[in-house]
Structure formats: C-alpha cells, structure tokens
C-alpha cells in the first residue's frame, strides 16, 4: 500500500522515505517558537512590514513555525543579521534536524 511516498510494512506500520528534494527543502529553513501572545499571521505581517518580504513563516502546529527564504537566500544569515528584530518574535531557534 503506497501512501505519500511511503509504504506499509507487513507489521502494519507506515514507513516514509523522504526524497532528496524534501531533505533539501527542510534543510533550507529553521524551526522556531512564536511567543504565546502572537498569531502566526500577525508574525508574518510584522516580518514583512520590517522589510523581510522574502522570509516565509510556515505554521508547524502549536507555537512552532518553520522559517525559510522564498528566494533561496540563507535564512540563518538573514536571521543573524537582524537578530535583534527576530528575537522579539521567535525563540528556541534551530536548524531542522
């Protein structure tokens, strides 16, 4: 049984194998936590209003987001160059592992 690039083993567990494209996409971003008082939509607007229209804020569920650059810039470099701004919005920032 094939499901989204995975398959079901005889023991009934679904196994997923990611493609190189999936891995490259995940490695192009960072994971962060948004403050409890913020909505994802308001954070995206604040990021764009600050001039970072190339930074995409993708909800991951709960207070976690995935940040990446739409134009394939290095998100970690963009983040670190404006750390004072981004640290107002995000905490627990780390590379996708």
PDB file of N, CA and C in Angstrom:
ATOM      1  N   UNK A   1       0.851  -1.177   0.000  1.00  0.00           N
ATOM      2  CA  UNK A   1       0.000   0.000   0.000  1.00  0.00           C
ATOM      3  C   UNK A   1       0.891   1.232   0.000  1.00  0.00           C
ATOM      4  N   UNK A   2       0.777   2.084  -0.988  1.00  0.00           N
ATOM      5  CA  UNK A   2       1.612   3.275  -1.101  1.00  0.00           C
ATOM      6  C   UNK A   2       0.856   4.497  -0.597  1.00  0.00           C
ATOM      7  N   UNK A   3       1.499   5.258   0.278  1.00  0.00           N
ATOM      8  CA  UNK A   3       0.891   6.466   0.833  1.00  0.00           C
ATOM      9  C   UNK A   3       1.942   7.559   0.881  1.00  0.00           C
ATOM     10  N   UNK A   4       1.773   8.612   0.075  1.00  0.00           N
ATOM     11  CA  UNK A   4       2.646   9.778   0.103  1.00  0.00           C
ATOM     12  C   UNK A   4       4.133   9.422   0.156  1.00  0.00           C
ATOM     13  N   UNK A   5       4.568   8.581  -0.725  1.00  0.00           N
ATOM     14  CA  UNK A   5       5.982   8.246  -0.780  1.00  0.00           C
ATOM     15  C   UNK A   5       6.398   7.197   0.232  1.00  0.00           C
ATOM     16  N   UNK A   6       5.467   6.714   1.021  1.00  0.00           N
ATOM     17  CA  UNK A   6       5.785   5.691   1.998  1.00  0.00           C
ATOM     18  C   UNK A   6       5.119   4.389   1.616  1.00  0.00           C
ATOM     19  N   UNK A   7       5.326   3.389   2.417  1.00  0.00           N
ATOM     20  CA  UNK A   7       4.635   2.133   2.195  1.00  0.00           C
ATOM     21  C   UNK A   7       4.419   1.437   3.530  1.00  0.00           C
ATOM     22  N   UNK A   8       3.448   0.549   3.513  1.00  0.00           N
ATOM     23  CA  UNK A   8       3.100  -0.133   4.748  1.00  0.00           C
ATOM     24  C   UNK A   8       3.821  -1.478   4.795  1.00  0.00           C
ATOM     25  N   UNK A   9       4.507  -1.706   5.878  1.00  0.00           N
ATOM     26  CA  UNK A   9       5.221  -2.968   6.076  1.00  0.00           C
ATOM     27  C   UNK A   9       4.229  -4.044   6.517  1.00  0.00           C
ATOM     28  N   UNK A  10       4.683  -5.293   6.495  1.00  0.00           N
ATOM     29  CA  UNK A  10       3.848  -6.415   6.905  1.00  0.00           C
ATOM     30  C   UNK A  10       3.341  -6.275   8.333  1.00  0.00           C
ATOM     31  N   UNK A  11       4.121  -5.615   9.192  1.00  0.00           N
ATOM     32  CA  UNK A  11       3.725  -5.462  10.596  1.00  0.00           C
ATOM     33  C   UNK A  11       2.740  -4.325  10.798  1.00  0.00           C
ATOM     34  N   UNK A  12       2.276  -3.694   9.713  1.00  0.00           N
ATOM     35  CA  UNK A  12       1.227  -2.684   9.791  1.00  0.00           C
ATOM     36  C   UNK A  12       1.681  -1.266  10.041  1.00  0.00           C
ATOM     37  N   UNK A  13       2.984  -1.031  10.193  1.00  0.00           N
ATOM     38  CA  UNK A  13       3.475   0.321  10.433  1.00  0.00           C
ATOM     39  C   UNK A  13       3.806   0.994   9.118  1.00  0.00           C
ATOM     40  N   UNK A  14       3.471   2.247   9.013  1.00  0.00           N
ATOM     41  CA  UNK A  14       3.768   3.015   7.818  1.00  0.00           C
ATOM     42  C   UNK A  14       5.215   3.482   7.874  1.00  0.00           C
ATOM     43  N   UNK A  15       5.919   3.307   6.806  1.00  0.00           N
ATOM     44  CA  UNK A  15       7.306   3.750   6.721  1.00  0.00           C
ATOM     45  C   UNK A  15       7.394   4.817   5.628  1.00  0.00           C
ATOM     46  N   UNK A  16       8.031   5.926   5.934  1.00  0.00           N
ATOM     47  CA  UNK A  16       8.175   7.015   4.965  1.00  0.00           C
ATOM     48  C   UNK A  16       9.643   7.212   4.652  1.00  0.00           C
ATOM     49  N   UNK A  17       9.936   7.321   3.381  1.00  0.00           N
ATOM     50  CA  UNK A  17      11.286   7.627   2.933  1.00  0.00           C
ATOM     51  C   UNK A  17      11.229   8.952   2.183  1.00  0.00           C
ATOM     52  N   UNK A  18      11.932   9.956   2.688  1.00  0.00           N
ATOM     53  CA  UNK A  18      11.898  11.265   2.046  1.00  0.00           C
ATOM     54  C   UNK A  18      12.804  11.284   0.820  1.00  0.00           C
ATOM     55  N   UNK A  19      12.473  12.177  -0.084  1.00  0.00           N
ATOM     56  CA  UNK A  19      13.286  12.344  -1.283  1.00  0.00           C
ATOM     57  C   UNK A  19      14.392  13.351  -1.001  1.00  0.00           C
ATOM     58  N   UNK A  20      15.376  13.416  -1.857  1.00  0.00           N
ATOM     59  CA  UNK A  20      16.445  14.404  -1.732  1.00  0.00           C
ATOM     60  C   UNK A  20      15.861  15.807  -1.773  1.00  0.00           C
ATOM     61  N   UNK A  21      14.870  16.017  -2.625  1.00  0.00           N
ATOM     62  CA  UNK A  21      14.220  17.326  -2.722  1.00  0.00           C
ATOM     63  C   UNK A  21      13.562  17.709  -1.398  1.00  0.00           C
ATOM     64  N   UNK A  22      12.892  16.756  -0.743  1.00  0.00           N
ATOM     65  CA  UNK A  22      12.281  17.007   0.565  1.00  0.00           C
ATOM     66  C   UNK A  22      13.342  17.386   1.591  1.00  0.00           C
ATOM     67  N   UNK A  23      14.436  16.631   1.610  1.00  0.00           N
ATOM     68  CA  UNK A  23      15.526  16.906   2.562  1.00  0.00           C
ATOM     69  C   UNK A  23      16.146  18.269   2.321  1.00  0.00           C
ATOM     70  N   UNK A  24      16.405  18.595   1.057  1.00  0.00           N
ATOM     71  CA  UNK A  24      16.997  19.894   0.726  1.00  0.00           C
ATOM     72  C   UNK A  24      16.083  21.031   1.161  1.00  0.00           C
ATOM     73  N   UNK A  25      14.771  20.878   0.941  1.00  0.00           N
ATOM     74  CA  UNK A  25      13.813  21.912   1.326  1.00  0.00           C
ATOM     75  C   UNK A  25      13.828  22.091   2.847  1.00  0.00           C
ATOM     76  N   UNK A  26      13.786  20.990   3.592  1.00  0.00           N
ATOM     77  CA  UNK A  26      13.778  21.065   5.057  1.00  0.00           C
ATOM     78  C   UNK A  26      15.067  21.689   5.579  1.00  0.00           C
ATOM     79  N   UNK A  27      16.181  21.368   4.952  1.00  0.00           N
ATOM     80  CA  UNK A  27      17.468  21.915   5.398  1.00  0.00           C
ATOM     81  C   UNK A  27      17.638  23.388   5.039  1.00  0.00           C
ATOM     82  N   UNK A  28      16.758  23.908   4.184  1.00  0.00           N
ATOM     83  CA  UNK A  28      16.854  25.314   3.790  1.00  0.00           C
ATOM     84  C   UNK A  28      16.204  26.244   4.806  1.00  0.00           C
ATOM     85  N   UNK A  29      15.634  25.689   5.861  1.00  0.00           N
ATOM     86  CA  UNK A  29      14.927  26.518   6.827  1.00  0.00           C
ATOM     87  C   UNK A  29      15.356  26.259   8.246  1.00  0.00           C
ATOM     88  N   UNK A  30      14.707  26.995   9.150  1.00  0.00           N
ATOM     89  CA  UNK A  30      14.947  26.842  10.583  1.00  0.00           C
ATOM     90  C   UNK A  30      13.603  26.720  11.296  1.00  0.00           C
ATOM     91  N   UNK A  31      13.633  26.100  12.451  1.00  0.00           N
ATOM     92  CA  UNK A  31      12.447  25.925  13.282  1.00  0.00           C
ATOM     93  C   UNK A  31      12.541  26.907  14.439  1.00  0.00           C
ATOM     94  N   UNK A  32      11.408  27.499  14.799  1.00  0.00           N
ATOM     95  CA  UNK A  32      11.395  28.460  15.897  1.00  0.00           C
ATOM     96  C   UNK A  32      10.064  28.376  16.641  1.00  0.00           C
ATOM     97  N   UNK A  33      10.055  28.955  17.816  1.00  0.00           N
ATOM     98  CA  UNK A  33       8.843  29.056  18.627  1.00  0.00           C
ATOM     99  C   UNK A  33       8.375  30.508  18.610  1.00  0.00           C
ATOM    100  N   UNK A  34       7.074  30.677  18.442  1.00  0.00           N
ATOM    101  CA  UNK A  34       6.458  32.013  18.437  1.00  0.00           C
ATOM    102  C   UNK A  34       5.913  32.279  19.831  1.00  0.00           C
ATOM    103  N   UNK A  35       6.030  33.524  20.290  1.00  0.00           N
ATOM    104  CA  UNK A  35       5.508  33.898  21.598  1.00  0.00           C
ATOM    105  C   UNK A  35       4.016  33.636  21.714  1.00  0.00           C
ATOM    106  N   UNK A  36       3.558  33.293  22.897  1.00  0.00           N
ATOM    107  CA  UNK A  36       2.165  32.918  23.134  1.00  0.00           C
ATOM    108  C   UNK A  36       1.177  34.016  22.768  1.00  0.00           C
ATOM    109  N   UNK A  37       1.610  35.254  22.856  1.00  0.00           N
ATOM    110  CA  UNK A  37       0.698  36.368  22.573  1.00  0.00           C
ATOM    111  C   UNK A  37       0.590  36.685  21.081  1.00  0.00           C
ATOM    112  N   UNK A  38       1.334  35.998  20.247  1.00  0.00           N
ATOM    113  CA  UNK A  38       1.365  36.266  18.804  1.00  0.00           C
ATOM    114  C   UNK A  38       0.611  35.197  18.023  1.00  0.00           C
ATOM    115  N   UNK A  39      -0.034  35.624  16.930  1.00  0.00           N
ATOM    116  CA  UNK A  39      -0.589  34.667  15.979  1.00  0.00           C
ATOM    117  C   UNK A  39       0.407  34.544  14.830  1.00  0.00           C
ATOM    118  N   UNK A  40       0.368  33.432  14.134  1.00  0.00           N
ATOM    119  CA  UNK A  40       1.282  33.217  13.015  1.00  0.00           C
ATOM    120  C   UNK A  40       1.067  34.300  11.957  1.00  0.00           C
ATOM    121  N   UNK A  41      -0.178  34.623  11.701  1.00  0.00           N
ATOM    122  CA  UNK A  41      -0.496  35.651  10.699  1.00  0.00           C
ATOM    123  C   UNK A  41       0.085  37.011  11.090  1.00  0.00           C
ATOM    124  N   UNK A  42      -0.043  37.384  12.359  1.00  0.00           N
ATOM    125  CA  UNK A  42       0.493  38.677  12.785  1.00  0.00           C
ATOM    126  C   UNK A  42       2.016  38.690  12.720  1.00  0.00           C
ATOM    127  N   UNK A  43       2.648  37.559  13.025  1.00  0.00           N
ATOM    128  CA  UNK A  43       4.110  37.459  12.934  1.00  0.00           C
ATOM    129  C   UNK A  43       4.550  37.615  11.479  1.00  0.00           C
ATOM    130  N   UNK A  44       3.857  36.941  10.548  1.00  0.00           N
ATOM    131  CA  UNK A  44       4.204  37.065   9.131  1.00  0.00           C
ATOM    132  C   UNK A  44       4.088  38.520   8.685  1.00  0.00           C
ATOM    133  N   UNK A  45       3.039  39.209   9.113  1.00  0.00           N
ATOM    134  CA  UNK A  45       2.867  40.626   8.750  1.00  0.00           C
ATOM    135  C   UNK A  45       3.969  41.486   9.343  1.00  0.00           C
ATOM    136  N   UNK A  46       4.335  41.243  10.577  1.00  0.00           N
ATOM    137  CA  UNK A  46       5.414  42.017  11.211  1.00  0.00           C
ATOM    138  C   UNK A  46       6.741  41.804  10.500  1.00  0.00           C
ATOM    139  N   UNK A  47       7.006  40.561  10.090  1.00  0.00           N
ATOM    140  CA  UNK A  47       8.232  40.249   9.359  1.00  0.00           C
ATOM    141  C   UNK A  47       8.245  40.989   8.023  1.00  0.00           C
ATOM    142  N   UNK A  48       7.131  40.940   7.299  1.00  0.00           N
ATOM    143  CA  UNK A  48       7.040  41.634   6.005  1.00  0.00           C
ATOM    144  C   UNK A  48       7.117  43.147   6.183  1.00  0.00           C
ATOM    145  N   UNK A  49       6.435  43.686   7.194  1.00  0.00           N
ATOM    146  CA  UNK A  49       6.458  45.134   7.448  1.00  0.00           C
ATOM    147  C   UNK A  49       7.863  45.630   7.779  1.00  0.00           C
ATOM    148  N   UNK A  50       8.695  44.756   8.337  1.00  0.00           N
ATOM    149  CA  UNK A  50      10.074  45.129   8.677  1.00  0.00           C
ATOM    150  C   UNK A  50      10.998  45.033   7.461  1.00  0.00           C
ATOM    151  N   UNK A  51      10.432  44.665   6.307  1.00  0.00           N
ATOM    152  CA  UNK A  51      11.224  44.623   5.078  1.00  0.00           C
ATOM    153  C   UNK A  51      11.747  43.254   4.692  1.00  0.00           C
ATOM    154  N   UNK A  52      11.308  42.222   5.391  1.00  0.00           N
ATOM    155  CA  UNK A  52      11.760  40.866   5.095  1.00  0.00           C
ATOM    156  C   UNK A  52      10.680  40.111   4.317  1.00  0.00           C
ATOM    157  N   UNK A  53      10.323  40.636   3.154  1.00  0.00           N
ATOM    158  CA  UNK A  53       9.257  40.023   2.357  1.00  0.00           C
ATOM    159  C   UNK A  53       9.650  38.662   1.797  1.00  0.00           C
ATOM    160  N   UNK A  54      10.940  38.357   1.794  1.00  0.00           N
ATOM    161  CA  UNK A  54      11.397  37.062   1.306  1.00  0.00           C
ATOM    162  C   UNK A  54      11.352  35.972   2.371  1.00  0.00           C
ATOM    163  N   UNK A  55      11.091  36.333   3.636  1.00  0.00           N
ATOM    164  CA  UNK A  55      11.046  35.345   4.719  1.00  0.00           C
ATOM    165  C   UNK A  55       9.615  34.828   4.859  1.00  0.00           C
ATOM    166  N   UNK A  56       9.489  33.514   4.766  1.00  0.00           N
ATOM    167  CA  UNK A  56       8.197  32.855   4.868  1.00  0.00           C
ATOM    168  C   UNK A  56       8.068  32.212   6.240  1.00  0.00           C
ATOM    169  N   UNK A  57       6.941  32.453   6.909  1.00  0.00           N
ATOM    170  CA  UNK A  57       6.652  31.875   8.223  1.00  0.00           C
ATOM    171  C   UNK A  57       5.596  30.788   8.012  1.00  0.00           C
ATOM    172  N   UNK A  58       5.995  29.534   8.181  1.00  0.00           N
ATOM    173  CA  UNK A  58       5.111  28.402   7.897  1.00  0.00           C
ATOM    174  C   UNK A  58       4.721  27.730   9.217  1.00  0.00           C
ATOM    175  N   UNK A  59       3.417  27.688   9.521  1.00  0.00           N
ATOM    176  CA  UNK A  59       2.980  27.047  10.769  1.00  0.00           C
ATOM    177  C   UNK A  59       3.301  25.552  10.769  1.00  0.00           C
ATOM    178  N   UNK A  60       3.749  25.053  11.922  1.00  0.00           N
ATOM    179  CA  UNK A  60       4.029  23.622  12.080  1.00  0.00           C
ATOM    180  C   UNK A  60       3.078  22.982  13.087  1.00  0.00           C
ATOM    181  N   UNK A  61       2.270  23.787  13.710  1.00  0.00           N
ATOM    182  CA  UNK A  61       1.371  23.291  14.744  1.00  0.00           C
ATOM    183  C   UNK A  61       1.773  23.863  16.088  1.00  0.00           C
ATOM    184  N   UNK A  62       0.787  24.179  16.885  1.00  0.00           N
ATOM    185  CA  UNK A  62       1.059  24.785  18.182  1.00  0.00           C
ATOM    186  C   UNK A  62       1.763  26.113  17.999  1.00  0.00           C
ATOM    187  N   UNK A  63       2.835  26.314  18.739  1.00  0.00           N
ATOM    188  CA  UNK A  63       3.580  27.571  18.656  1.00  0.00           C
ATOM    189  C   UNK A  63       4.846  27.444  17.818  1.00  0.00           C
ATOM    190  N   UNK A  64       4.992  26.343  17.082  1.00  0.00           N
ATOM    191  CA  UNK A  64       6.184  26.112  16.252  1.00  0.00           C
ATOM    192  C   UNK A  64       5.954  26.598  14.825  1.00  0.00           C
ATOM    193  N   UNK A  65       7.007  27.187  14.264  1.00  0.00           N
ATOM    194  CA  UNK A  65       6.975  27.625  12.871  1.00  0.00           C
ATOM    195  C   UNK A  65       8.253  27.192  12.170  1.00  0.00           C
ATOM    196  N   UNK A  66       8.169  27.125  10.865  1.00  0.00           N
ATOM    197  CA  UNK A  66       9.318  26.841  10.015  1.00  0.00           C
ATOM    198  C   UNK A  66       9.584  28.113   9.235  1.00  0.00           C
ATOM    199  N   UNK A  67      10.798  28.634   9.301  1.00  0.00           N
ATOM    200  CA  UNK A  67      11.172  29.862   8.611  1.00  0.00           C
ATOM    201  C   UNK A  67      12.111  29.525   7.473  1.00  0.00           C
ATOM    202  N   UNK A  68      11.826  30.101   6.303  1.00  0.00           N
ATOM    203  CA  UNK A  68      12.711  29.907   5.161  1.00  0.00           C
ATOM    204  C   UNK A  68      12.596  31.121   4.258  1.00  0.00           C
ATOM    205  N   UNK A  69      13.574  31.285   3.392  1.00  0.00           N
ATOM    206  CA  UNK A  69      13.556  32.388   2.439  1.00  0.00           C
ATOM    207  C   UNK A  69      12.939  31.904   1.133  1.00  0.00           C
ATOM    208  N   UNK A  70      11.998  32.688   0.625  1.00  0.00           N
ATOM    209  CA  UNK A  70      11.338  32.347  -0.641  1.00  0.00           C
ATOM    210  C   UNK A  70      12.314  32.360  -1.809  1.00  0.00           C
ATOM    211  N   UNK A  71      13.337  33.190  -1.741  1.00  0.00           N
ATOM    212  CA  UNK A  71      14.269  33.349  -2.855  1.00  0.00           C
ATOM    213  C   UNK A  71      15.543  32.521  -2.676  1.00  0.00           C
ATOM    214  N   UNK A  72      15.497  31.530  -1.791  1.00  0.00           N
ATOM    215  CA  UNK A  72      16.618  30.621  -1.538  1.00  0.00           C
ATOM    216  C   UNK A  72      17.835  31.277  -0.905  1.00  0.00           C
ATOM    217  N   UNK A  73      17.685  32.481  -0.318  1.00  0.00           N
ATOM    218  CA  UNK A  73      18.753  33.056   0.491  1.00  0.00           C
ATOM    219  C   UNK A  73      18.955  32.167   1.717  1.00  0.00           C
ATOM    220  N   UNK A  74      20.067  32.317   2.379  1.00  0.00           N
ATOM    221  CA  UNK A  74      20.365  31.561   3.594  1.00  0.00           C
ATOM    222  C   UNK A  74      19.586  32.177   4.758  1.00  0.00           C
ATOM    223  N   UNK A  75      18.565  31.479   5.239  1.00  0.00           N
ATOM    224  CA  UNK A  75      17.707  32.013   6.297  1.00  0.00           C
ATOM    225  C   UNK A  75      18.486  32.270   7.577  1.00  0.00           C
ATOM    226  N   UNK A  76      19.472  31.448   7.871  1.00  0.00           N
ATOM    227  CA  UNK A  76      20.256  31.652   9.091  1.00  0.00           C
ATOM    228  C   UNK A  76      21.048  32.948   9.008  1.00  0.00           C
ATOM    229  N   UNK A  77      21.575  33.265   7.846  1.00  0.00           N
ATOM    230  CA  UNK A  77      22.310  34.516   7.666  1.00  0.00           C
ATOM    231  C   UNK A  77      21.363  35.707   7.791  1.00  0.00           C
ATOM    232  N   UNK A  78      20.203  35.624   7.153  1.00  0.00           N
ATOM    233  CA  UNK A  78      19.201  36.698   7.251  1.00  0.00           C
ATOM    234  C   UNK A  78      18.798  36.884   8.712  1.00  0.00           C
ATOM    235  N   UNK A  79      18.537  35.786   9.391  1.00  0.00           N
ATOM    236  CA  UNK A  79      18.118  35.829  10.796  1.00  0.00           C
ATOM    237  C   UNK A  79      19.201  36.461  11.667  1.00  0.00           C
ATOM    238  N   UNK A  80      20.432  36.012  11.508  1.00  0.00           N
ATOM    239  CA  UNK A  80      21.530  36.511  12.342  1.00  0.00           C
ATOM    240  C   UNK A  80      21.866  37.972  12.066  1.00  0.00           C
ATOM    241  N   UNK A  81      21.677  38.429  10.823  1.00  0.00           N
ATOM    242  CA  UNK A  81      21.946  39.838  10.505  1.00  0.00           C
ATOM    243  C   UNK A  81      20.915  40.774  11.125  1.00  0.00           C
ATOM    244  N   UNK A  82      19.755  40.235  11.486  1.00  0.00           N
ATOM    245  CA  UNK A  82      18.707  41.053  12.110  1.00  0.00           C
ATOM    246  C   UNK A  82      18.236  40.386  13.408  1.00  0.00           C
ATOM    247  N   UNK A  83      19.172  39.844  14.146  1.00  0.00           N
ATOM    248  CA  UNK A  83      18.860  39.072  15.353  1.00  0.00           C
ATOM    249  C   UNK A  83      18.058  39.881  16.371  1.00  0.00           C
ATOM    250  N   UNK A  84      18.335  41.168  16.483  1.00  0.00           N
ATOM    251  CA  UNK A  84      17.597  41.995  17.447  1.00  0.00           C
ATOM    252  C   UNK A  84      16.109  42.029  17.116  1.00  0.00           C
ATOM    253  N   UNK A  85      15.776  42.139  15.833  1.00  0.00           N
ATOM    254  CA  UNK A  85      14.375  42.143  15.412  1.00  0.00           C
ATOM    255  C   UNK A  85      13.755  40.758  15.587  1.00  0.00           C
ATOM    256  N   UNK A  86      14.391  39.740  15.014  1.00  0.00           N
ATOM    257  CA  UNK A  86      13.806  38.399  15.028  1.00  0.00           C
ATOM    258  C   UNK A  86      13.682  37.829  16.433  1.00  0.00           C
ATOM    259  N   UNK A  87      14.576  38.200  17.342  1.00  0.00           N
ATOM    260  CA  UNK A  87      14.490  37.678  18.709  1.00  0.00           C
ATOM    261  C   UNK A  87      13.284  38.244  19.460  1.00  0.00           C
ATOM    262  N   UNK A  88      12.685  39.319  18.960  1.00  0.00           N
ATOM    263  CA  UNK A  88      11.446  39.838  19.544  1.00  0.00           C
ATOM    264  C   UNK A  88      10.265  38.929  19.225  1.00  0.00           C
ATOM    265  N   UNK A  89      10.363  38.187  18.123  1.00  0.00           N
ATOM    266  CA  UNK A  89       9.259  37.357  17.651  1.00  0.00           C
ATOM    267  C   UNK A  89       9.449  35.871  17.899  1.00  0.00           C
ATOM    268  N   UNK A  90      10.714  35.421  17.871  1.00  0.00           N
ATOM    269  CA  UNK A  90      10.986  33.984  17.884  1.00  0.00           C
ATOM    270  C   UNK A  90      11.966  33.601  18.996  1.00  0.00           C
ATOM    271  N   UNK A  91      11.792  32.417  19.524  1.00  0.00           N
ATOM    272  CA  UNK A  91      12.735  31.839  20.481  1.00  0.00           C
ATOM    273  C   UNK A  91      12.989  30.385  20.082  1.00  0.00           C
ATOM    274  N   UNK A  92      13.898  29.732  20.775  1.00  0.00           N
ATOM    275  CA  UNK A  92      14.218  28.325  20.515  1.00  0.00           C
ATOM    276  C   UNK A  92      14.493  28.070  19.037  1.00  0.00           C
ATOM    277  N   UNK A  93      15.294  28.902  18.440  1.00  0.00           N
ATOM    278  CA  UNK A  93      15.591  28.815  17.003  1.00  0.00           C
ATOM    279  C   UNK A  93      16.684  27.777  16.781  1.00  0.00           C
ATOM    280  N   UNK A  94      16.438  26.876  15.831  1.00  0.00           N
ATOM    281  CA  UNK A  94      17.444  25.866  15.486  1.00  0.00           C
ATOM    282  C   UNK A  94      17.219  25.351  14.070  1.00  0.00           C
ATOM    283  N   UNK A  95      18.268  24.791  13.527  1.00  0.00           N
ATOM    284  CA  UNK A  95      18.203  24.175  12.207  1.00  0.00           C
ATOM    285  C   UNK A  95      17.279  22.960  12.283  1.00  0.00           C
ATOM    286  N   UNK A  96      16.629  22.660  11.176  1.00  0.00           N
ATOM    287  CA  UNK A  96      15.850  21.427  11.058  1.00  0.00           C
ATOM    288  C   UNK A  96      16.832  20.269  11.086  1.00  0.00           C
ATOM    289  N   UNK A  97      16.577  19.290  11.911  1.00  0.00           N
ATOM    290  CA  UNK A  97      17.495  18.148  12.029  1.00  0.00           C
ATOM    291  C   UNK A  97      16.935  16.930  11.340  1.00  0.00           C
TER     292      UNK A  97
END
